[in-house]
Amino acid sequence: MIKSFRFPLMSTSEFARIPTAVGGRDSLFVAWARGRQQEERRRLALLQGLQAQPDPSEAADISGPITAWAEGHARDKRRHANAIAQLRQGRV
């Protein structure tokens, strides 16, 4: 099982205080980390917006399951009635 380690988001001022090496790997890492933080902030903002304004097309609509149950129940009653009729007529 792969574990995901989540770190708290750093503010821009906290990132500015990170020392960087000029032209070295450290500056590449910091640039990558800043980009990652920005992507994470955008993703969280999008998720919060979606949670605040749910899609109206996905509203709780229970008419479909109720209709499906009613049709299945009616089908079962017809099958039962047909089976009883066949038993009475001696076909089975």
N, C-alpha and C. Protein backbone atom coordinates (compact mmCIF):
# COMPACT_ATOMS: atom_id res chain seq x y z
N MET A 1 0.84 -1.18 0.00
CA MET A 1 0.00 0.00 0.00
C MET A 1 0.89 1.24 0.00
N ILE A 2 0.62 2.14 -0.89
CA ILE A 2 1.41 3.36 -1.01
C ILE A 2 0.82 4.42 -0.09
N LYS A 3 1.67 5.00 0.73
CA LYS A 3 1.22 6.06 1.62
C LYS A 3 1.51 7.40 0.99
N SER A 4 0.57 8.31 1.14
CA SER A 4 0.75 9.66 0.63
C SER A 4 1.06 10.57 1.81
N PHE A 5 2.19 11.25 1.75
CA PHE A 5 2.55 12.17 2.81
C PHE A 5 2.11 13.56 2.42
N ARG A 6 1.29 14.17 3.24
CA ARG A 6 0.77 15.50 2.97
C ARG A 6 1.46 16.49 3.90
N PHE A 7 1.95 17.55 3.33
CA PHE A 7 2.59 18.60 4.10
C PHE A 7 1.70 19.83 4.07
N PRO A 8 1.68 20.61 5.14
CA PRO A 8 0.87 21.82 5.13
C PRO A 8 1.39 22.81 4.09
N LEU A 9 0.47 23.55 3.50
CA LEU A 9 0.86 24.54 2.49
C LEU A 9 1.63 25.67 3.15
N MET A 10 2.69 26.09 2.47
CA MET A 10 3.51 27.18 2.98
C MET A 10 3.03 28.48 2.35
N SER A 11 3.08 29.53 3.14
CA SER A 11 2.70 30.83 2.60
C SER A 11 3.82 31.34 1.70
N THR A 12 3.53 32.36 0.92
CA THR A 12 4.52 32.95 0.02
C THR A 12 5.69 33.53 0.80
N SER A 13 5.40 34.12 1.95
CA SER A 13 6.49 34.70 2.75
C SER A 13 7.39 33.61 3.32
N GLU A 14 6.84 32.46 3.67
CA GLU A 14 7.65 31.35 4.16
C GLU A 14 8.55 30.81 3.05
N PHE A 15 8.01 30.73 1.84
CA PHE A 15 8.80 30.27 0.70
C PHE A 15 9.92 31.25 0.39
N ALA A 16 9.66 32.54 0.55
CA ALA A 16 10.67 33.55 0.24
C ALA A 16 11.87 33.42 1.17
N ARG A 17 11.67 32.89 2.37
CA ARG A 17 12.75 32.76 3.35
C ARG A 17 13.61 31.53 3.12
N ILE A 18 13.23 30.64 2.20
CA ILE A 18 14.02 29.44 1.94
C ILE A 18 15.28 29.84 1.17
N PRO A 19 16.45 29.48 1.70
CA PRO A 19 17.68 29.85 0.99
C PRO A 19 17.84 29.00 -0.28
N THR A 20 18.32 29.62 -1.33
CA THR A 20 18.52 28.90 -2.59
C THR A 20 19.96 29.05 -3.04
N ALA A 21 20.46 28.02 -3.70
CA ALA A 21 21.80 28.09 -4.29
C ALA A 21 21.65 28.64 -5.70
N VAL A 22 22.53 29.51 -6.09
CA VAL A 22 22.45 30.16 -7.39
C VAL A 22 22.79 29.14 -8.48
N GLY A 23 21.84 28.90 -9.38
CA GLY A 23 22.08 28.03 -10.52
C GLY A 23 22.28 26.57 -10.18
N GLY A 24 21.99 26.15 -8.98
CA GLY A 24 22.19 24.76 -8.60
C GLY A 24 20.90 23.97 -8.53
N ARG A 25 21.02 22.77 -8.04
CA ARG A 25 19.84 21.90 -7.92
C ARG A 25 18.85 22.44 -6.91
N ASP A 26 19.36 23.12 -5.88
CA ASP A 26 18.46 23.64 -4.86
C ASP A 26 17.47 24.63 -5.45
N SER A 27 17.93 25.49 -6.34
CA SER A 27 17.01 26.47 -6.92
C SER A 27 15.97 25.78 -7.81
N LEU A 28 16.37 24.70 -8.49
CA LEU A 28 15.40 23.94 -9.28
C LEU A 28 14.35 23.30 -8.40
N PHE A 29 14.81 22.77 -7.26
CA PHE A 29 13.86 22.16 -6.34
C PHE A 29 12.89 23.19 -5.79
N VAL A 30 13.40 24.34 -5.41
CA VAL A 30 12.54 25.38 -4.85
C VAL A 30 11.54 25.85 -5.90
N ALA A 31 11.98 25.98 -7.16
CA ALA A 31 11.06 26.37 -8.23
C ALA A 31 9.99 25.30 -8.41
N TRP A 32 10.40 24.03 -8.37
CA TRP A 32 9.43 22.95 -8.49
C TRP A 32 8.45 22.97 -7.32
N ALA A 33 8.99 23.15 -6.10
CA ALA A 33 8.15 23.16 -4.91
C ALA A 33 7.15 24.32 -4.95
N ARG A 34 7.60 25.48 -5.41
CA ARG A 34 6.69 26.63 -5.51
C ARG A 34 5.57 26.35 -6.52
N GLY A 35 5.94 25.77 -7.64
CA GLY A 35 4.93 25.41 -8.63
C GLY A 35 3.95 24.39 -8.09
N ARG A 36 4.46 23.43 -7.34
CA ARG A 36 3.60 22.40 -6.74
C ARG A 36 2.65 23.02 -5.73
N GLN A 37 3.16 23.93 -4.93
CA GLN A 37 2.31 24.63 -3.95
C GLN A 37 1.21 25.42 -4.67
N GLN A 38 1.55 26.07 -5.75
CA GLN A 38 0.56 26.85 -6.50
C GLN A 38 -0.52 25.94 -7.09
N GLU A 39 -0.09 24.80 -7.65
CA GLU A 39 -1.07 23.85 -8.18
C GLU A 39 -1.99 23.34 -7.09
N GLU A 40 -1.42 23.06 -5.92
CA GLU A 40 -2.22 22.56 -4.80
C GLU A 40 -3.21 23.61 -4.32
N ARG A 41 -2.79 24.86 -4.26
CA ARG A 41 -3.71 25.94 -3.86
C ARG A 41 -4.86 26.07 -4.85
N ARG A 42 -4.54 25.99 -6.14
CA ARG A 42 -5.59 26.09 -7.17
C ARG A 42 -6.55 24.92 -7.08
N ARG A 43 -6.01 23.72 -6.84
CA ARG A 43 -6.86 22.54 -6.73
C ARG A 43 -7.79 22.65 -5.52
N LEU A 44 -7.24 23.10 -4.39
CA LEU A 44 -8.07 23.26 -3.19
C LEU A 44 -9.14 24.32 -3.39
N ALA A 45 -8.80 25.41 -4.06
CA ALA A 45 -9.78 26.46 -4.33
C ALA A 45 -10.90 25.92 -5.23
N LEU A 46 -10.53 25.13 -6.22
CA LEU A 46 -11.53 24.55 -7.11
C LEU A 46 -12.44 23.60 -6.34
N LEU A 47 -11.86 22.77 -5.49
CA LEU A 47 -12.67 21.83 -4.71
C LEU A 47 -13.61 22.56 -3.76
N GLN A 48 -13.13 23.62 -3.13
CA GLN A 48 -13.98 24.39 -2.23
C GLN A 48 -15.13 25.03 -2.99
N GLY A 49 -14.85 25.51 -4.20
CA GLY A 49 -15.90 26.10 -5.02
C GLY A 49 -16.94 25.07 -5.44
N LEU A 50 -16.48 23.87 -5.77
CA LEU A 50 -17.42 22.82 -6.16
C LEU A 50 -18.27 22.36 -4.99
N GLN A 51 -17.68 22.33 -3.81
CA GLN A 51 -18.44 21.93 -2.63
C GLN A 51 -19.44 23.01 -2.24
N ALA A 52 -19.09 24.27 -2.44
CA ALA A 52 -19.98 25.36 -2.08
C ALA A 52 -21.15 25.47 -3.06
N GLN A 53 -20.92 25.11 -4.33
CA GLN A 53 -21.96 25.21 -5.35
C GLN A 53 -22.09 23.85 -6.06
N PRO A 54 -22.85 22.93 -5.49
CA PRO A 54 -22.98 21.62 -6.12
C PRO A 54 -23.70 21.70 -7.45
N ASP A 55 -23.46 20.74 -8.29
CA ASP A 55 -24.07 20.67 -9.61
C ASP A 55 -25.56 20.37 -9.46
N PRO A 56 -26.45 21.24 -9.96
CA PRO A 56 -27.89 21.00 -9.78
C PRO A 56 -28.38 19.75 -10.51
N SER A 57 -27.66 19.31 -11.54
CA SER A 57 -28.10 18.11 -12.26
C SER A 57 -27.91 16.85 -11.43
N GLU A 58 -27.10 16.93 -10.38
CA GLU A 58 -26.87 15.78 -9.53
C GLU A 58 -27.68 15.86 -8.23
N ALA A 59 -28.79 16.57 -8.27
CA ALA A 59 -29.63 16.71 -7.09
C ALA A 59 -30.18 15.34 -6.70
N ALA A 60 -30.54 15.22 -5.44
CA ALA A 60 -31.07 13.95 -4.94
C ALA A 60 -32.42 13.69 -5.59
N ASP A 61 -32.45 12.77 -6.54
CA ASP A 61 -33.67 12.43 -7.25
C ASP A 61 -33.92 10.95 -7.03
N ILE A 62 -34.96 10.64 -6.24
CA ILE A 62 -35.21 9.25 -5.92
C ILE A 62 -36.34 8.66 -6.74
N SER A 63 -36.85 9.39 -7.73
CA SER A 63 -37.95 8.85 -8.53
C SER A 63 -37.51 7.66 -9.37
N GLY A 64 -36.26 7.64 -9.82
CA GLY A 64 -35.76 6.53 -10.64
C GLY A 64 -35.76 5.20 -9.89
N PRO A 65 -35.13 5.14 -8.71
CA PRO A 65 -35.15 3.89 -7.96
C PRO A 65 -36.54 3.45 -7.54
N ILE A 66 -37.41 4.40 -7.23
CA ILE A 66 -38.78 4.04 -6.83
C ILE A 66 -39.52 3.44 -8.02
N THR A 67 -39.37 4.05 -9.19
CA THR A 67 -40.02 3.52 -10.40
C THR A 67 -39.48 2.13 -10.74
N ALA A 68 -38.18 1.94 -10.63
CA ALA A 68 -37.59 0.63 -10.92
C ALA A 68 -38.11 -0.43 -9.95
N TRP A 69 -38.24 -0.08 -8.66
CA TRP A 69 -38.77 -1.03 -7.69
C TRP A 69 -40.22 -1.37 -8.01
N ALA A 70 -41.01 -0.36 -8.34
CA ALA A 70 -42.43 -0.58 -8.63
C ALA A 70 -42.60 -1.47 -9.86
N GLU A 71 -41.80 -1.25 -10.90
CA GLU A 71 -41.89 -2.09 -12.10
C GLU A 71 -41.48 -3.52 -11.78
N GLY A 72 -40.43 -3.71 -11.01
CA GLY A 72 -40.00 -5.06 -10.62
C GLY A 72 -41.03 -5.75 -9.76
N HIS A 73 -41.64 -5.01 -8.85
CA HIS A 73 -42.67 -5.58 -7.98
C HIS A 73 -43.88 -6.01 -8.80
N ALA A 74 -44.30 -5.18 -9.75
CA ALA A 74 -45.44 -5.53 -10.61
C ALA A 74 -45.11 -6.76 -11.46
N ARG A 75 -43.88 -6.84 -11.96
CA ARG A 75 -43.46 -8.00 -12.76
C ARG A 75 -43.51 -9.28 -11.91
N ASP A 76 -43.03 -9.19 -10.66
CA ASP A 76 -43.06 -10.35 -9.77
C ASP A 76 -44.49 -10.79 -9.48
N LYS A 77 -45.39 -9.83 -9.30
CA LYS A 77 -46.80 -10.18 -9.04
C LYS A 77 -47.42 -10.86 -10.25
N ARG A 78 -47.11 -10.38 -11.47
CA ARG A 78 -47.63 -11.03 -12.68
C ARG A 78 -47.11 -12.46 -12.82
N ARG A 79 -45.81 -12.65 -12.56
CA ARG A 79 -45.24 -13.99 -12.63
C ARG A 79 -45.89 -14.93 -11.62
N HIS A 80 -46.11 -14.43 -10.42
CA HIS A 80 -46.75 -15.23 -9.39
C HIS A 80 -48.17 -15.61 -9.79
N ALA A 81 -48.91 -14.61 -10.30
CA ALA A 81 -50.30 -14.88 -10.72
C ALA A 81 -50.33 -15.89 -11.87
N ASN A 82 -49.40 -15.77 -12.82
CA ASN A 82 -49.34 -16.72 -13.93
C ASN A 82 -48.98 -18.12 -13.44
N ALA A 83 -48.07 -18.23 -12.50
CA ALA A 83 -47.69 -19.54 -11.96
C ALA A 83 -48.86 -20.19 -11.25
N ILE A 84 -49.61 -19.43 -10.46
CA ILE A 84 -50.79 -19.96 -9.77
C ILE A 84 -51.84 -20.41 -10.79
N ALA A 85 -52.04 -19.61 -11.83
CA ALA A 85 -53.03 -19.97 -12.86
C ALA A 85 -52.62 -21.27 -13.56
N GLN A 86 -51.35 -21.44 -13.85
CA GLN A 86 -50.89 -22.67 -14.50
C GLN A 86 -51.06 -23.88 -13.58
N LEU A 87 -50.80 -23.68 -12.28
CA LEU A 87 -51.00 -24.80 -11.33
C LEU A 87 -52.48 -25.19 -11.27
N ARG A 88 -53.36 -24.22 -11.27
CA ARG A 88 -54.80 -24.49 -11.21
C ARG A 88 -55.29 -25.21 -12.46
N GLN A 89 -54.70 -24.89 -13.59
CA GLN A 89 -55.13 -25.52 -14.85
C GLN A 89 -54.44 -26.87 -15.06
N GLY A 90 -53.51 -27.20 -14.21
CA GLY A 90 -52.84 -28.50 -14.31
C GLY A 90 -51.79 -28.56 -15.39
N ARG A 91 -51.26 -27.44 -15.82
CA ARG A 91 -50.24 -27.44 -16.88
C ARG A 91 -48.85 -27.79 -16.35
N VAL A 92 -48.67 -27.66 -15.07
CA VAL A 92 -47.33 -27.90 -14.53
C VAL A 92 -47.27 -29.24 -13.86
